[in-house]
Amino acid sequence: MGRRVSLEAPADLAAAPGYGARRLYQAYLAAWNRHVDSVLTGPQFAVLSAVRAYPGFDQTALAKAVALDTSTMADVCRRLENRGLIARGPAPHDARAKVLTLTEDGLAAFREVTRRTRKLDQALLAGCPEERRAEIAGMLNELGALWEAVAERPEI
């Protein structure tokens, strides 16, 4: 028992899609922290990306665009605002709603992190045939949508 051995995951665990998803997520987080940014998180980058693509839209609409629940979105936006990367203001149609815009610092951060993210994307898919990379990314997004729908069901 004292010697170290390398064990494989049990077959039933390795066959479970959730196990594979967790491994992908853990590896992605580690790669993001090492190669992209150890302070700006993936969800924060997603929000910066959405704010850049949809300036002046409200926080709730942007949360849906990047698959974040509203409480997580509020926390992410507070952190980005505290860092001076976004500005929040009242929506013209509803003073309770918050519209988001990128600041100059936010745009600069977005551009730099985008450059590093693209390099990471290439590295993550480097072992896949180039002609299938877009298909693989699409399949991951489809799985995400399907699994989100399962999570919303009252029962399975």
N, C-alpha and C. Protein backbone atom coordinates (compact mmCIF):
# COMPACT_ATOMS: atom_id res chain seq x y z
N MET A 1 0.81 -1.20 0.00
CA MET A 1 0.00 0.00 0.00
C MET A 1 0.85 1.25 0.00
N GLY A 2 2.10 1.16 0.41
CA GLY A 2 2.95 2.33 0.50
C GLY A 2 3.47 2.83 -0.83
N ARG A 3 3.45 2.00 -1.86
CA ARG A 3 3.98 2.46 -3.14
C ARG A 3 2.89 3.14 -3.96
N ARG A 4 3.33 4.03 -4.79
CA ARG A 4 2.39 4.80 -5.62
C ARG A 4 2.12 4.04 -6.91
N VAL A 5 0.86 3.97 -7.24
CA VAL A 5 0.45 3.36 -8.50
C VAL A 5 -0.47 4.33 -9.21
N SER A 6 -0.55 4.20 -10.49
CA SER A 6 -1.45 5.04 -11.28
C SER A 6 -2.66 4.21 -11.65
N LEU A 7 -3.79 4.56 -11.09
CA LEU A 7 -5.02 3.81 -11.34
C LEU A 7 -5.86 4.52 -12.39
N GLU A 8 -6.53 3.74 -13.19
CA GLU A 8 -7.50 4.27 -14.14
C GLU A 8 -8.82 4.52 -13.40
N ALA A 9 -9.62 5.41 -13.95
CA ALA A 9 -10.96 5.60 -13.39
C ALA A 9 -11.74 4.31 -13.57
N PRO A 10 -12.56 3.94 -12.61
CA PRO A 10 -13.40 2.75 -12.79
C PRO A 10 -14.23 2.89 -14.07
N ALA A 11 -14.48 1.78 -14.74
CA ALA A 11 -15.15 1.79 -16.05
C ALA A 11 -16.50 2.50 -16.00
N ASP A 12 -17.29 2.25 -14.94
CA ASP A 12 -18.61 2.88 -14.88
C ASP A 12 -18.49 4.39 -14.71
N LEU A 13 -17.47 4.85 -14.00
CA LEU A 13 -17.24 6.28 -13.85
C LEU A 13 -16.77 6.88 -15.16
N ALA A 14 -15.81 6.23 -15.81
CA ALA A 14 -15.27 6.74 -17.08
C ALA A 14 -16.34 6.80 -18.17
N ALA A 15 -17.36 5.95 -18.07
CA ALA A 15 -18.44 5.95 -19.07
C ALA A 15 -19.49 7.02 -18.81
N ALA A 16 -19.44 7.68 -17.65
CA ALA A 16 -20.44 8.69 -17.30
C ALA A 16 -20.10 10.02 -17.95
N PRO A 17 -21.04 10.63 -18.68
CA PRO A 17 -20.74 11.90 -19.34
C PRO A 17 -20.38 13.01 -18.35
N GLY A 18 -20.95 12.99 -17.17
CA GLY A 18 -20.62 14.01 -16.18
C GLY A 18 -19.16 13.95 -15.74
N TYR A 19 -18.61 12.75 -15.68
CA TYR A 19 -17.20 12.58 -15.33
C TYR A 19 -16.32 13.23 -16.40
N GLY A 20 -16.64 12.95 -17.65
CA GLY A 20 -15.87 13.57 -18.75
C GLY A 20 -16.01 15.08 -18.74
N ALA A 21 -17.22 15.57 -18.47
CA ALA A 21 -17.45 17.02 -18.43
C ALA A 21 -16.65 17.66 -17.29
N ARG A 22 -16.62 17.01 -16.15
CA ARG A 22 -15.85 17.55 -15.02
C ARG A 22 -14.36 17.58 -15.34
N ARG A 23 -13.86 16.54 -15.97
CA ARG A 23 -12.44 16.52 -16.36
C ARG A 23 -12.13 17.64 -17.35
N LEU A 24 -13.01 17.82 -18.33
CA LEU A 24 -12.82 18.91 -19.30
C LEU A 24 -12.80 20.26 -18.58
N TYR A 25 -13.75 20.46 -17.69
CA TYR A 25 -13.86 21.74 -16.98
C TYR A 25 -12.64 21.99 -16.10
N GLN A 26 -12.19 20.98 -15.36
CA GLN A 26 -11.01 21.15 -14.51
C GLN A 26 -9.78 21.48 -15.35
N ALA A 27 -9.61 20.77 -16.46
CA ALA A 27 -8.45 21.01 -17.33
C ALA A 27 -8.54 22.40 -17.94
N TYR A 28 -9.75 22.81 -18.33
CA TYR A 28 -9.92 24.13 -18.92
C TYR A 28 -9.59 25.23 -17.92
N LEU A 29 -10.08 25.09 -16.69
CA LEU A 29 -9.79 26.10 -15.66
C LEU A 29 -8.29 26.20 -15.41
N ALA A 30 -7.62 25.06 -15.32
CA ALA A 30 -6.17 25.07 -15.08
C ALA A 30 -5.45 25.73 -16.25
N ALA A 31 -5.85 25.41 -17.47
CA ALA A 31 -5.22 26.01 -18.65
C ALA A 31 -5.51 27.51 -18.72
N TRP A 32 -6.75 27.91 -18.41
CA TRP A 32 -7.12 29.33 -18.41
C TRP A 32 -6.24 30.09 -17.41
N ASN A 33 -6.15 29.57 -16.19
CA ASN A 33 -5.36 30.25 -15.15
C ASN A 33 -3.89 30.36 -15.53
N ARG A 34 -3.36 29.36 -16.17
CA ARG A 34 -1.94 29.36 -16.52
C ARG A 34 -1.65 30.18 -17.77
N HIS A 35 -2.50 30.10 -18.78
CA HIS A 35 -2.17 30.66 -20.09
C HIS A 35 -2.96 31.91 -20.48
N VAL A 36 -4.06 32.18 -19.81
CA VAL A 36 -4.89 33.33 -20.20
C VAL A 36 -4.82 34.42 -19.15
N ASP A 37 -5.39 34.17 -17.97
CA ASP A 37 -5.43 35.20 -16.93
C ASP A 37 -5.75 34.54 -15.61
N SER A 38 -4.96 34.81 -14.60
CA SER A 38 -5.20 34.21 -13.29
C SER A 38 -6.15 35.05 -12.44
N VAL A 39 -6.49 36.25 -12.90
CA VAL A 39 -7.40 37.12 -12.15
C VAL A 39 -8.77 37.18 -12.82
N LEU A 40 -8.79 37.50 -14.11
CA LEU A 40 -10.05 37.57 -14.85
C LEU A 40 -10.53 36.15 -15.12
N THR A 41 -11.74 35.84 -14.70
CA THR A 41 -12.27 34.48 -14.86
C THR A 41 -12.94 34.32 -16.23
N GLY A 42 -13.19 33.08 -16.59
CA GLY A 42 -13.91 32.79 -17.83
C GLY A 42 -15.27 33.47 -17.88
N PRO A 43 -16.08 33.36 -16.81
CA PRO A 43 -17.37 34.06 -16.83
C PRO A 43 -17.22 35.59 -16.95
N GLN A 44 -16.21 36.16 -16.31
CA GLN A 44 -15.98 37.60 -16.45
C GLN A 44 -15.62 37.95 -17.89
N PHE A 45 -14.79 37.12 -18.52
CA PHE A 45 -14.45 37.35 -19.91
C PHE A 45 -15.69 37.23 -20.79
N ALA A 46 -16.54 36.25 -20.50
CA ALA A 46 -17.77 36.09 -21.28
C ALA A 46 -18.64 37.34 -21.18
N VAL A 47 -18.72 37.92 -19.99
CA VAL A 47 -19.51 39.14 -19.82
C VAL A 47 -18.87 40.29 -20.59
N LEU A 48 -17.55 40.45 -20.51
CA LEU A 48 -16.89 41.50 -21.30
C LEU A 48 -17.18 41.32 -22.78
N SER A 49 -17.12 40.09 -23.24
CA SER A 49 -17.38 39.79 -24.65
C SER A 49 -18.81 40.17 -25.04
N ALA A 50 -19.77 39.83 -24.19
CA ALA A 50 -21.17 40.15 -24.47
C ALA A 50 -21.42 41.66 -24.42
N VAL A 51 -20.81 42.34 -23.45
CA VAL A 51 -20.99 43.79 -23.35
C VAL A 51 -20.40 44.47 -24.58
N ARG A 52 -19.28 43.97 -25.06
CA ARG A 52 -18.68 44.52 -26.28
C ARG A 52 -19.60 44.28 -27.48
N ALA A 53 -20.16 43.08 -27.58
CA ALA A 53 -21.02 42.73 -28.71
C ALA A 53 -22.37 43.43 -28.64
N TYR A 54 -22.88 43.66 -27.43
CA TYR A 54 -24.22 44.23 -27.23
C TYR A 54 -24.17 45.41 -26.27
N PRO A 55 -23.47 46.48 -26.62
CA PRO A 55 -23.35 47.61 -25.69
C PRO A 55 -24.71 48.24 -25.39
N GLY A 56 -24.90 48.59 -24.14
CA GLY A 56 -26.14 49.25 -23.75
C GLY A 56 -27.30 48.32 -23.47
N PHE A 57 -27.08 47.00 -23.57
CA PHE A 57 -28.15 46.07 -23.22
C PHE A 57 -28.16 45.87 -21.72
N ASP A 58 -29.30 45.43 -21.21
CA ASP A 58 -29.41 45.29 -19.76
C ASP A 58 -28.76 44.00 -19.27
N GLN A 59 -28.44 44.03 -18.00
CA GLN A 59 -27.71 42.95 -17.34
C GLN A 59 -28.43 41.61 -17.47
N THR A 60 -29.75 41.60 -17.39
CA THR A 60 -30.51 40.35 -17.47
C THR A 60 -30.41 39.72 -18.85
N ALA A 61 -30.55 40.53 -19.89
CA ALA A 61 -30.44 40.01 -21.25
C ALA A 61 -29.03 39.48 -21.51
N LEU A 62 -28.03 40.20 -21.03
CA LEU A 62 -26.65 39.77 -21.22
C LEU A 62 -26.36 38.49 -20.44
N ALA A 63 -26.96 38.34 -19.27
CA ALA A 63 -26.78 37.11 -18.48
C ALA A 63 -27.25 35.90 -19.28
N LYS A 64 -28.40 36.04 -19.93
CA LYS A 64 -28.92 34.93 -20.75
C LYS A 64 -28.00 34.64 -21.92
N ALA A 65 -27.43 35.68 -22.51
CA ALA A 65 -26.55 35.50 -23.67
C ALA A 65 -25.30 34.71 -23.32
N VAL A 66 -24.84 34.81 -22.08
CA VAL A 66 -23.61 34.11 -21.68
C VAL A 66 -23.88 32.96 -20.70
N ALA A 67 -25.14 32.55 -20.59
CA ALA A 67 -25.54 31.39 -19.79
C ALA A 67 -25.15 31.52 -18.31
N LEU A 68 -25.42 32.70 -17.74
CA LEU A 68 -25.22 32.91 -16.30
C LEU A 68 -26.56 33.19 -15.65
N ASP A 69 -26.75 32.68 -14.44
CA ASP A 69 -27.96 33.04 -13.71
C ASP A 69 -27.82 34.49 -13.23
N THR A 70 -28.93 35.10 -12.88
CA THR A 70 -28.92 36.54 -12.58
C THR A 70 -28.09 36.88 -11.34
N SER A 71 -28.06 36.00 -10.33
CA SER A 71 -27.26 36.33 -9.15
C SER A 71 -25.77 36.23 -9.45
N THR A 72 -25.36 35.24 -10.23
CA THR A 72 -23.95 35.15 -10.64
C THR A 72 -23.58 36.34 -11.51
N MET A 73 -24.49 36.70 -12.41
CA MET A 73 -24.24 37.86 -13.29
C MET A 73 -24.05 39.12 -12.46
N ALA A 74 -24.88 39.32 -11.45
CA ALA A 74 -24.76 40.52 -10.61
C ALA A 74 -23.40 40.56 -9.92
N ASP A 75 -22.94 39.40 -9.43
CA ASP A 75 -21.64 39.33 -8.77
C ASP A 75 -20.51 39.60 -9.76
N VAL A 76 -20.58 38.98 -10.94
CA VAL A 76 -19.55 39.19 -11.97
C VAL A 76 -19.50 40.67 -12.36
N CYS A 77 -20.65 41.28 -12.57
CA CYS A 77 -20.70 42.69 -12.97
C CYS A 77 -20.15 43.60 -11.87
N ARG A 78 -20.47 43.29 -10.62
CA ARG A 78 -19.93 44.09 -9.52
C ARG A 78 -18.41 44.04 -9.51
N ARG A 79 -17.85 42.86 -9.71
CA ARG A 79 -16.39 42.71 -9.73
C ARG A 79 -15.77 43.45 -10.91
N LEU A 80 -16.40 43.33 -12.08
CA LEU A 80 -15.88 44.03 -13.27
C LEU A 80 -15.98 45.54 -13.10
N GLU A 81 -17.07 46.00 -12.51
CA GLU A 81 -17.24 47.43 -12.27
C GLU A 81 -16.20 47.93 -11.25
N ASN A 82 -15.97 47.16 -10.20
CA ASN A 82 -14.97 47.54 -9.19
C ASN A 82 -13.57 47.62 -9.79
N ARG A 83 -13.30 46.83 -10.80
CA ARG A 83 -11.99 46.86 -11.47
C ARG A 83 -11.94 47.92 -12.56
N GLY A 84 -13.05 48.62 -12.79
CA GLY A 84 -13.08 49.68 -13.80
C GLY A 84 -13.17 49.17 -15.22
N LEU A 85 -13.66 47.93 -15.41
CA LEU A 85 -13.72 47.35 -16.75
C LEU A 85 -15.07 47.55 -17.43
N ILE A 86 -16.12 47.73 -16.64
CA ILE A 86 -17.44 48.04 -17.18
C ILE A 86 -18.04 49.19 -16.38
N ALA A 87 -19.03 49.82 -16.98
CA ALA A 87 -19.83 50.83 -16.28
C ALA A 87 -21.27 50.35 -16.31
N ARG A 88 -21.97 50.52 -15.20
CA ARG A 88 -23.39 50.16 -15.12
C ARG A 88 -24.20 51.42 -14.89
N GLY A 89 -25.31 51.49 -15.59
CA GLY A 89 -26.19 52.64 -15.41
C GLY A 89 -27.64 52.22 -15.57
N PRO A 90 -28.57 53.09 -15.21
CA PRO A 90 -29.98 52.73 -15.33
C PRO A 90 -30.40 52.60 -16.79
N ALA A 91 -31.28 51.66 -17.05
CA ALA A 91 -31.81 51.47 -18.40
C ALA A 91 -32.84 52.55 -18.68
N PRO A 92 -32.88 53.07 -19.91
CA PRO A 92 -33.86 54.11 -20.23
C PRO A 92 -35.31 53.64 -20.06
N HIS A 93 -35.56 52.36 -20.30
CA HIS A 93 -36.91 51.82 -20.22
C HIS A 93 -37.33 51.39 -18.82
N ASP A 94 -36.33 51.23 -17.90
CA ASP A 94 -36.62 50.75 -16.55
C ASP A 94 -35.45 51.12 -15.65
N ALA A 95 -35.65 52.06 -14.77
CA ALA A 95 -34.55 52.55 -13.92
C ALA A 95 -34.00 51.47 -13.00
N ARG A 96 -34.78 50.40 -12.76
CA ARG A 96 -34.29 49.31 -11.91
C ARG A 96 -33.32 48.41 -12.67
N ALA A 97 -33.46 48.34 -13.99
CA ALA A 97 -32.57 47.51 -14.81
C ALA A 97 -31.25 48.25 -15.01
N LYS A 98 -30.18 47.49 -15.14
CA LYS A 98 -28.84 48.07 -15.33
C LYS A 98 -28.36 47.76 -16.75
N VAL A 99 -27.98 48.82 -17.48
CA VAL A 99 -27.34 48.62 -18.78
C VAL A 99 -25.83 48.67 -18.59
N LEU A 100 -25.13 47.93 -19.41
CA LEU A 100 -23.69 47.78 -19.25
C LEU A 100 -22.95 48.31 -20.47
N THR A 101 -21.83 48.96 -20.22
CA THR A 101 -20.93 49.39 -21.29
C THR A 101 -19.50 49.10 -20.85
N LEU A 102 -18.64 48.86 -21.84
CA LEU A 102 -17.22 48.67 -21.56
C LEU A 102 -16.56 50.02 -21.35
N THR A 103 -15.66 50.08 -20.41
CA THR A 103 -14.82 51.27 -20.26
C THR A 103 -13.62 51.12 -21.20
N GLU A 104 -12.80 52.16 -21.30
CA GLU A 104 -11.58 52.04 -22.11
C GLU A 104 -10.69 50.93 -21.57
N ASP A 105 -10.55 50.87 -20.24
CA ASP A 105 -9.76 49.80 -19.64
C ASP A 105 -10.38 48.43 -19.93
N GLY A 106 -11.69 48.38 -19.92
CA GLY A 106 -12.39 47.13 -20.22
C GLY A 106 -12.15 46.66 -21.64
N LEU A 107 -12.17 47.61 -22.58
CA LEU A 107 -11.91 47.26 -23.98
C LEU A 107 -10.48 46.78 -24.15
N ALA A 108 -9.53 47.44 -23.50
CA ALA A 108 -8.12 47.02 -23.57
C ALA A 108 -7.95 45.62 -22.98
N ALA A 109 -8.57 45.38 -21.83
CA ALA A 109 -8.49 44.05 -21.21
C ALA A 109 -9.13 43.00 -22.10
N PHE A 110 -10.28 43.33 -22.67
CA PHE A 110 -10.96 42.40 -23.57
C PHE A 110 -10.07 42.02 -24.74
N ARG A 111 -9.44 42.99 -25.36
CA ARG A 111 -8.59 42.71 -26.52
C ARG A 111 -7.41 41.82 -26.15
N GLU A 112 -6.76 42.11 -25.04
CA GLU A 112 -5.60 41.32 -24.63
C GLU A 112 -6.00 39.89 -24.25
N VAL A 113 -7.07 39.77 -23.49
CA VAL A 113 -7.51 38.44 -23.07
C VAL A 113 -8.03 37.65 -24.27
N THR A 114 -8.67 38.32 -25.22
CA THR A 114 -9.13 37.65 -26.43
C THR A 114 -7.95 37.04 -27.18
N ARG A 115 -6.87 37.78 -27.28
CA ARG A 115 -5.68 37.28 -27.98
C ARG A 115 -5.18 36.00 -27.30
N ARG A 116 -5.09 36.02 -25.98
CA ARG A 116 -4.61 34.85 -25.25
C ARG A 116 -5.62 33.70 -25.30
N THR A 117 -6.90 34.05 -25.29
CA THR A 117 -7.94 33.02 -25.35
C THR A 117 -7.90 32.28 -26.68
N ARG A 118 -7.69 33.00 -27.75
CA ARG A 118 -7.61 32.36 -29.08
C ARG A 118 -6.44 31.38 -29.13
N LYS A 119 -5.32 31.75 -28.52
CA LYS A 119 -4.17 30.84 -28.46
C LYS A 119 -4.53 29.59 -27.65
N LEU A 120 -5.23 29.78 -26.54
CA LEU A 120 -5.65 28.64 -25.74
C LEU A 120 -6.61 27.76 -26.53
N ASP A 121 -7.57 28.37 -27.22
CA ASP A 121 -8.51 27.60 -28.03
C ASP A 121 -7.77 26.72 -29.03
N GLN A 122 -6.78 27.30 -29.69
CA GLN A 122 -5.99 26.53 -30.66
C GLN A 122 -5.27 25.37 -29.99
N ALA A 123 -4.68 25.63 -28.83
CA ALA A 123 -3.96 24.57 -28.11
C ALA A 123 -4.91 23.46 -27.65
N LEU A 124 -6.09 23.84 -27.17
CA LEU A 124 -7.05 22.85 -26.69
C LEU A 124 -7.53 21.93 -27.80
N LEU A 125 -7.65 22.46 -29.00
CA LEU A 125 -8.16 21.66 -30.12
C LEU A 125 -7.05 21.16 -31.04
N ALA A 126 -5.80 21.35 -30.64
CA ALA A 126 -4.67 20.98 -31.50
C ALA A 126 -4.65 19.49 -31.83
N GLY A 127 -5.13 18.65 -30.95
CA GLY A 127 -5.14 17.22 -31.21
C GLY A 127 -6.31 16.76 -32.07
N CYS A 128 -7.18 17.68 -32.44
CA CYS A 128 -8.34 17.36 -33.26
C CYS A 128 -8.06 17.75 -34.71
N PRO A 129 -8.60 16.99 -35.66
CA PRO A 129 -8.41 17.37 -37.06
C PRO A 129 -8.93 18.79 -37.30
N GLU A 130 -8.15 19.59 -38.00
CA GLU A 130 -8.51 20.99 -38.21
C GLU A 130 -9.89 21.16 -38.83
N GLU A 131 -10.24 20.27 -39.76
CA GLU A 131 -11.53 20.40 -40.44
C GLU A 131 -12.71 20.06 -39.52
N ARG A 132 -12.45 19.49 -38.34
CA ARG A 132 -13.53 19.14 -37.42
C ARG A 132 -13.61 20.06 -36.21
N ARG A 133 -12.70 21.01 -36.07
CA ARG A 133 -12.65 21.84 -34.86
C ARG A 133 -13.91 22.67 -34.65
N ALA A 134 -14.43 23.27 -35.70
CA ALA A 134 -15.66 24.06 -35.56
C ALA A 134 -16.82 23.14 -35.18
N GLU A 135 -16.86 21.96 -35.76
CA GLU A 135 -17.90 20.98 -35.45
C GLU A 135 -17.82 20.56 -33.97
N ILE A 136 -16.62 20.31 -33.49
CA ILE A 136 -16.43 19.90 -32.10
C ILE A 136 -16.87 21.01 -31.15
N ALA A 137 -16.47 22.24 -31.44
CA ALA A 137 -16.90 23.38 -30.61
C ALA A 137 -18.42 23.50 -30.63
N GLY A 138 -19.02 23.31 -31.79
CA GLY A 138 -20.48 23.36 -31.90
C GLY A 138 -21.15 22.26 -31.09
N MET A 139 -20.57 21.07 -31.12
CA MET A 139 -21.13 19.96 -30.35
C MET A 139 -21.05 20.24 -28.85
N LEU A 140 -19.97 20.84 -28.40
CA LEU A 140 -19.86 21.19 -26.98
C LEU A 140 -20.94 22.19 -26.59
N ASN A 141 -21.20 23.17 -27.46
CA ASN A 141 -22.27 24.14 -27.18
C ASN A 141 -23.64 23.49 -27.19
N GLU A 142 -23.86 22.55 -28.12
CA GLU A 142 -25.13 21.82 -28.15
C GLU A 142 -25.32 21.02 -26.87
N LEU A 143 -24.27 20.33 -26.44
CA LEU A 143 -24.36 19.58 -25.19
C LEU A 143 -24.66 20.51 -24.02
N GLY A 144 -24.03 21.67 -24.00
CA GLY A 144 -24.30 22.65 -22.95
C GLY A 144 -25.77 23.02 -22.90
N ALA A 145 -26.35 23.29 -24.07
CA ALA A 145 -27.77 23.65 -24.13
C ALA A 145 -28.65 22.49 -23.67
N LEU A 146 -28.32 21.29 -24.10
CA LEU A 146 -29.11 20.12 -23.69
C LEU A 146 -29.02 19.89 -22.18
N TRP A 147 -27.82 20.02 -21.63
CA TRP A 147 -27.65 19.79 -20.20
C TRP A 147 -28.29 20.90 -19.38
N GLU A 148 -28.28 22.13 -19.89
CA GLU A 148 -28.98 23.23 -19.20
C GLU A 148 -30.48 22.93 -19.14
N ALA A 149 -31.02 22.38 -20.22
CA ALA A 149 -32.45 22.03 -20.23
C ALA A 149 -32.75 20.93 -19.22
N VAL A 150 -31.86 19.94 -19.10
CA VAL A 150 -32.04 18.89 -18.10
C VAL A 150 -32.02 19.49 -16.69
N ALA A 151 -31.12 20.42 -16.46
CA ALA A 151 -31.01 21.06 -15.14
C ALA A 151 -32.28 21.82 -14.77
N GLU A 152 -33.00 22.32 -15.76
CA GLU A 152 -34.22 23.09 -15.51
C GLU A 152 -35.44 22.21 -15.26
N ARG A 153 -35.38 20.95 -15.63
CA ARG A 153 -36.53 20.06 -15.45
C ARG A 153 -36.81 19.83 -13.96
N PRO A 154 -38.08 19.78 -13.60
CA PRO A 154 -38.40 19.49 -12.20
C PRO A 154 -38.04 18.05 -11.82
N GLU A 155 -38.09 17.14 -12.80
CA GLU A 155 -37.75 15.74 -12.57
C GLU A 155 -37.11 15.17 -13.82
N ILE A 156 -36.32 14.11 -13.63
CA ILE A 156 -35.77 13.41 -14.79
C ILE A 156 -36.20 11.96 -14.77
